[in-house]
């Protein structure tokens, strides 16, 4: 794969892109670009963006004038490019999060100063009990993650568990 830097103005967003990008989504992409830079190229076919339309929108929002791209193979047809665009979008959305792993990583990154809200995650709620959930001398931590249907249910469970003497904290993913 050959990567090249081009002027954003030389590219056209896919006018038939089936994937839409909300302002929240573009803001999250912008936050990631601002924090980490561009780490994967935009894919283009005939200077039409077939993978990375949201990234282009975010880059423009940040005032970028150049972007790194890779071109679809020269022997691809328009239909192959369109099929790739759909497959690229769909395969990403079929993945799931490991909610425990995600929560732990977000808490750890938040604790060392990353603003996770810039990437589209909700700000973390502080623990109800500021003491750690594990004994620092044992080096072990045992957690249970309960997925709630809404904030009201989360608050009810927090109160109930807290009333039972458990150390609990609320997180919003």
C-alpha atoms as a PDB file:
ATOM      1  CA  UNK A   1       0.000   0.000   0.000  1.00  0.00           C
ATOM      2  CA  UNK A   2       1.424   3.339  -1.056  1.00  0.00           C
ATOM      3  CA  UNK A   3       0.526   6.342   1.094  1.00  0.00           C
ATOM      4  CA  UNK A   4       0.716   9.874  -0.276  1.00  0.00           C
ATOM      5  CA  UNK A   5      -0.057  13.313   1.091  1.00  0.00           C
ATOM      6  CA  UNK A   6      -2.529  15.382  -0.951  1.00  0.00           C
ATOM      7  CA  UNK A   7      -4.478  18.616  -0.636  1.00  0.00           C
ATOM      8  CA  UNK A   8      -7.866  17.997   0.931  1.00  0.00           C
ATOM      9  CA  UNK A   9      -9.319  20.359  -1.651  1.00  0.00           C
ATOM     10  CA  UNK A  10      -8.294  17.877  -4.391  1.00  0.00           C
ATOM     11  CA  UNK A  11     -10.639  15.232  -2.947  1.00  0.00           C
ATOM     12  CA  UNK A  12     -14.400  14.866  -3.233  1.00  0.00           C
ATOM     13  CA  UNK A  13     -16.518  13.401  -0.475  1.00  0.00           C
ATOM     14  CA  UNK A  14     -18.495  10.446  -1.767  1.00  0.00           C
ATOM     15  CA  UNK A  15     -21.826  11.941  -2.906  1.00  0.00           C
ATOM     16  CA  UNK A  16     -23.415   8.484  -2.550  1.00  0.00           C
ATOM     17  CA  UNK A  17     -21.919   7.710   0.857  1.00  0.00           C
ATOM     18  CA  UNK A  18     -24.480   5.599   2.703  1.00  0.00           C
ATOM     19  CA  UNK A  19     -22.830   6.401   6.036  1.00  0.00           C
ATOM     20  CA  UNK A  20     -23.737   9.672   7.730  1.00  0.00           C
ATOM     21  CA  UNK A  21     -21.652  11.540  10.299  1.00  0.00           C
ATOM     22  CA  UNK A  22     -23.360  13.454  13.087  1.00  0.00           C
ATOM     23  CA  UNK A  23     -21.712  16.510  14.576  1.00  0.00           C
ATOM     24  CA  UNK A  24     -20.941  14.435  17.686  1.00  0.00           C
ATOM     25  CA  UNK A  25     -19.205  11.851  15.499  1.00  0.00           C
ATOM     26  CA  UNK A  26     -17.171  14.481  13.607  1.00  0.00           C
ATOM     27  CA  UNK A  27     -16.232  16.123  16.923  1.00  0.00           C
ATOM     28  CA  UNK A  28     -15.013  12.750  18.258  1.00  0.00           C
ATOM     29  CA  UNK A  29     -12.942  12.160  15.115  1.00  0.00           C
ATOM     30  CA  UNK A  30     -11.575  15.717  15.437  1.00  0.00           C
ATOM     31  CA  UNK A  31     -10.618  15.026  19.043  1.00  0.00           C
ATOM     32  CA  UNK A  32      -8.770  11.898  18.024  1.00  0.00           C
ATOM     33  CA  UNK A  33      -6.980  13.656  15.148  1.00  0.00           C
ATOM     34  CA  UNK A  34      -6.010  16.538  17.442  1.00  0.00           C
ATOM     35  CA  UNK A  35      -4.678  14.163  20.118  1.00  0.00           C
ATOM     36  CA  UNK A  36      -2.980  11.526  17.946  1.00  0.00           C
ATOM     37  CA  UNK A  37      -2.707  12.902  14.416  1.00  0.00           C
ATOM     38  CA  UNK A  38      -3.740  10.898  11.380  1.00  0.00           C
ATOM     39  CA  UNK A  39      -2.766   7.248  11.902  1.00  0.00           C
ATOM     40  CA  UNK A  40      -4.463   5.620   8.915  1.00  0.00           C
ATOM     41  CA  UNK A  41      -4.863   6.883   5.383  1.00  0.00           C
ATOM     42  CA  UNK A  42      -8.071   7.880   3.650  1.00  0.00           C
ATOM     43  CA  UNK A  43      -8.976   5.515   0.796  1.00  0.00           C
ATOM     44  CA  UNK A  44      -9.850   7.149  -2.521  1.00  0.00           C
ATOM     45  CA  UNK A  45     -11.081   5.987  -5.898  1.00  0.00           C
ATOM     46  CA  UNK A  46     -10.686   8.553  -8.684  1.00  0.00           C
ATOM     47  CA  UNK A  47     -10.134  11.245  -6.002  1.00  0.00           C
ATOM     48  CA  UNK A  48     -13.501  10.353  -4.439  1.00  0.00           C
ATOM     49  CA  UNK A  49     -13.251   9.396  -0.764  1.00  0.00           C
ATOM     50  CA  UNK A  50     -14.554   5.834  -0.340  1.00  0.00           C
ATOM     51  CA  UNK A  51     -13.274   5.306   3.218  1.00  0.00           C
ATOM     52  CA  UNK A  52     -12.690   8.227   5.545  1.00  0.00           C
ATOM     53  CA  UNK A  53     -15.415  10.757   4.754  1.00  0.00           C
ATOM     54  CA  UNK A  54     -15.819  11.523   8.472  1.00  0.00           C
ATOM     55  CA  UNK A  55     -12.079  11.941   8.860  1.00  0.00           C
ATOM     56  CA  UNK A  56     -12.024  14.437   5.993  1.00  0.00           C
ATOM     57  CA  UNK A  57     -14.860  16.421   7.610  1.00  0.00           C
ATOM     58  CA  UNK A  58     -13.002  16.419  10.942  1.00  0.00           C
ATOM     59  CA  UNK A  59      -9.707  17.425   9.326  1.00  0.00           C
ATOM     60  CA  UNK A  60     -11.422  20.362   7.595  1.00  0.00           C
ATOM     61  CA  UNK A  61     -12.974  21.373  10.915  1.00  0.00           C
ATOM     62  CA  UNK A  62      -9.465  21.440  12.417  1.00  0.00           C
ATOM     63  CA  UNK A  63      -8.240  23.620   9.559  1.00  0.00           C
ATOM     64  CA  UNK A  64      -6.039  20.974   7.966  1.00  0.00           C
ATOM     65  CA  UNK A  65      -5.202  21.494   4.302  1.00  0.00           C
ATOM     66  CA  UNK A  66      -3.380  18.205   3.622  1.00  0.00           C
ATOM     67  CA  UNK A  67      -4.238  14.582   4.362  1.00  0.00           C
ATOM     68  CA  UNK A  68      -2.646  11.188   3.768  1.00  0.00           C
ATOM     69  CA  UNK A  69      -4.419   8.880   1.354  1.00  0.00           C
ATOM     70  CA  UNK A  70      -4.031   5.550  -0.326  1.00  0.00           C
ATOM     71  CA  UNK A  71      -5.617   4.881  -3.683  1.00  0.00           C
ATOM     72  CA  UNK A  72      -7.858   1.937  -4.528  1.00  0.00           C
ATOM     73  CA  UNK A  73      -6.142  -0.496  -6.891  1.00  0.00           C
ATOM     74  CA  UNK A  74      -6.038   0.774 -10.463  1.00  0.00           C
ATOM     75  CA  UNK A  75      -7.911  -2.262 -11.763  1.00  0.00           C
ATOM     76  CA  UNK A  76     -10.929  -1.765  -9.460  1.00  0.00           C
ATOM     77  CA  UNK A  77     -14.255  -0.896 -11.016  1.00  0.00           C
ATOM     78  CA  UNK A  78     -16.629   1.683  -9.585  1.00  0.00           C
ATOM     79  CA  UNK A  79     -18.744  -1.168  -8.198  1.00  0.00           C
ATOM     80  CA  UNK A  80     -15.736  -2.675  -6.416  1.00  0.00           C
ATOM     81  CA  UNK A  81     -14.960   0.699  -4.845  1.00  0.00           C
ATOM     82  CA  UNK A  82     -18.578   1.109  -3.707  1.00  0.00           C
ATOM     83  CA  UNK A  83     -18.627  -2.452  -2.320  1.00  0.00           C
ATOM     84  CA  UNK A  84     -15.419  -1.759  -0.383  1.00  0.00           C
ATOM     85  CA  UNK A  85     -16.887   1.453   1.058  1.00  0.00           C
ATOM     86  CA  UNK A  86     -19.937  -0.417   2.357  1.00  0.00           C
ATOM     87  CA  UNK A  87     -17.871  -3.320   3.701  1.00  0.00           C
ATOM     88  CA  UNK A  88     -15.442  -0.923   5.432  1.00  0.00           C
ATOM     89  CA  UNK A  89     -18.273   0.845   7.245  1.00  0.00           C
ATOM     90  CA  UNK A  90     -20.268  -2.270   8.100  1.00  0.00           C
ATOM     91  CA  UNK A  91     -17.445  -4.414   9.461  1.00  0.00           C
ATOM     92  CA  UNK A  92     -16.489  -1.754  11.998  1.00  0.00           C
ATOM     93  CA  UNK A  93     -19.986  -1.364  13.352  1.00  0.00           C
ATOM     94  CA  UNK A  94     -20.444  -5.103  13.853  1.00  0.00           C
ATOM     95  CA  UNK A  95     -17.762  -5.183  16.551  1.00  0.00           C
ATOM     96  CA  UNK A  96     -18.728  -5.118  20.221  1.00  0.00           C
ATOM     97  CA  UNK A  97     -17.060  -3.607  23.260  1.00  0.00           C
ATOM     98  CA  UNK A  98     -15.912  -5.683  26.207  1.00  0.00           C
ATOM     99  CA  UNK A  99     -17.630  -3.363  28.682  1.00  0.00           C
ATOM    100  CA  UNK A 100     -15.448  -4.326  31.648  1.00  0.00           C
ATOM    101  CA  UNK A 101     -12.229  -3.897  29.693  1.00  0.00           C
ATOM    102  CA  UNK A 102     -13.478  -0.621  28.218  1.00  0.00           C
ATOM    103  CA  UNK A 103     -14.545   0.749  31.595  1.00  0.00           C
ATOM    104  CA  UNK A 104     -11.209  -0.134  33.171  1.00  0.00           C
ATOM    105  CA  UNK A 105      -9.234   1.441  30.333  1.00  0.00           C
ATOM    106  CA  UNK A 106     -11.338   4.602  30.335  1.00  0.00           C
ATOM    107  CA  UNK A 107     -10.942   4.963  34.094  1.00  0.00           C
ATOM    108  CA  UNK A 108      -7.183   4.445  33.840  1.00  0.00           C
ATOM    109  CA  UNK A 109      -6.785   6.912  30.959  1.00  0.00           C
ATOM    110  CA  UNK A 110      -8.997   9.447  32.718  1.00  0.00           C
ATOM    111  CA  UNK A 111      -6.885   9.067  35.862  1.00  0.00           C
ATOM    112  CA  UNK A 112      -3.680   9.941  33.981  1.00  0.00           C
ATOM    113  CA  UNK A 113      -5.218  13.013  32.384  1.00  0.00           C
ATOM    114  CA  UNK A 114      -6.721  12.009  29.039  1.00  0.00           C
ATOM    115  CA  UNK A 115      -9.933  13.815  28.123  1.00  0.00           C
ATOM    116  CA  UNK A 116     -11.915  10.804  26.914  1.00  0.00           C
ATOM    117  CA  UNK A 117     -14.883  13.005  26.025  1.00  0.00           C
ATOM    118  CA  UNK A 118     -12.849  14.301  23.069  1.00  0.00           C
ATOM    119  CA  UNK A 119     -13.177  10.843  21.501  1.00  0.00           C
ATOM    120  CA  UNK A 120     -16.933  10.639  21.999  1.00  0.00           C
ATOM    121  CA  UNK A 121     -17.047   8.875  25.377  1.00  0.00           C
ATOM    122  CA  UNK A 122     -19.141  10.350  28.165  1.00  0.00           C
ATOM    123  CA  UNK A 123     -17.301  11.913  31.082  1.00  0.00           C
ATOM    124  CA  UNK A 124     -16.864   9.485  33.941  1.00  0.00           C
ATOM    125  CA  UNK A 125     -18.865   9.883  37.108  1.00  0.00           C
ATOM    126  CA  UNK A 126     -16.771  10.043  40.276  1.00  0.00           C
ATOM    127  CA  UNK A 127     -16.918   7.089  42.650  1.00  0.00           C
ATOM    128  CA  UNK A 128     -19.497   7.356  45.426  1.00  0.00           C
ATOM    129  CA  UNK A 129     -16.820   6.170  47.874  1.00  0.00           C
ATOM    130  CA  UNK A 130     -13.486   7.818  47.042  1.00  0.00           C
ATOM    131  CA  UNK A 131     -11.544   4.895  48.526  1.00  0.00           C
ATOM    132  CA  UNK A 132     -10.092   2.417  46.021  1.00  0.00           C
ATOM    133  CA  UNK A 133     -12.153  -0.641  45.149  1.00  0.00           C
ATOM    134  CA  UNK A 134      -9.279  -2.974  45.996  1.00  0.00           C
ATOM    135  CA  UNK A 135      -6.746  -3.404  48.729  1.00  0.00           C
ATOM    136  CA  UNK A 136      -3.549  -1.826  47.331  1.00  0.00           C
ATOM    137  CA  UNK A 137      -1.456  -4.259  49.371  1.00  0.00           C
ATOM    138  CA  UNK A 138      -3.024  -7.312  47.789  1.00  0.00           C
ATOM    139  CA  UNK A 139      -2.777  -6.012  44.223  1.00  0.00           C
ATOM    140  CA  UNK A 140      -6.062  -7.689  43.371  1.00  0.00           C
ATOM    141  CA  UNK A 141      -9.357  -6.155  42.396  1.00  0.00           C
ATOM    142  CA  UNK A 142     -12.675  -7.919  41.960  1.00  0.00           C
ATOM    143  CA  UNK A 143     -15.390  -6.138  40.042  1.00  0.00           C
ATOM    144  CA  UNK A 144     -18.857  -6.751  38.726  1.00  0.00           C
ATOM    145  CA  UNK A 145     -20.208  -4.627  35.898  1.00  0.00           C
ATOM    146  CA  UNK A 146     -23.968  -4.225  35.695  1.00  0.00           C
ATOM    147  CA  UNK A 147     -25.365  -2.798  32.492  1.00  0.00           C
ATOM    148  CA  UNK A 148     -28.298  -0.474  33.252  1.00  0.00           C
ATOM    149  CA  UNK A 149     -31.038   0.589  30.882  1.00  0.00           C
ATOM    150  CA  UNK A 150     -30.844   4.243  31.928  1.00  0.00           C
ATOM    151  CA  UNK A 151     -29.410   6.698  34.448  1.00  0.00           C
ATOM    152  CA  UNK A 152     -32.347   6.241  36.831  1.00  0.00           C
ATOM    153  CA  UNK A 153     -31.757   2.496  37.092  1.00  0.00           C
ATOM    154  CA  UNK A 154     -28.031   3.121  37.551  1.00  0.00           C
ATOM    155  CA  UNK A 155     -28.666   5.508  40.445  1.00  0.00           C
ATOM    156  CA  UNK A 156     -31.114   3.064  42.085  1.00  0.00           C
ATOM    157  CA  UNK A 157     -28.574   0.241  41.939  1.00  0.00           C
ATOM    158  CA  UNK A 158     -25.771   2.465  43.198  1.00  0.00           C
ATOM    159  CA  UNK A 159     -27.838   3.481  46.194  1.00  0.00           C
ATOM    160  CA  UNK A 160     -28.993  -0.079  46.884  1.00  0.00           C
ATOM    161  CA  UNK A 161     -25.483  -1.539  46.681  1.00  0.00           C
ATOM    162  CA  UNK A 162     -24.048   1.323  48.717  1.00  0.00           C
ATOM    163  CA  UNK A 163     -26.729   0.810  51.387  1.00  0.00           C
ATOM    164  CA  UNK A 164     -25.672  -2.850  51.521  1.00  0.00           C
ATOM    165  CA  UNK A 165     -22.125  -1.735  52.363  1.00  0.00           C
ATOM    166  CA  UNK A 166     -20.549  -2.351  48.965  1.00  0.00           C
ATOM    167  CA  UNK A 167     -18.024   0.086  47.514  1.00  0.00           C
ATOM    168  CA  UNK A 168     -19.525   1.230  44.231  1.00  0.00           C
ATOM    169  CA  UNK A 169     -18.870   3.770  41.494  1.00  0.00           C
ATOM    170  CA  UNK A 170     -20.820   4.946  38.481  1.00  0.00           C
ATOM    171  CA  UNK A 171     -19.387   5.084  34.991  1.00  0.00           C
ATOM    172  CA  UNK A 172     -21.054   6.188  31.790  1.00  0.00           C
ATOM    173  CA  UNK A 173     -19.885   4.627  28.538  1.00  0.00           C
END
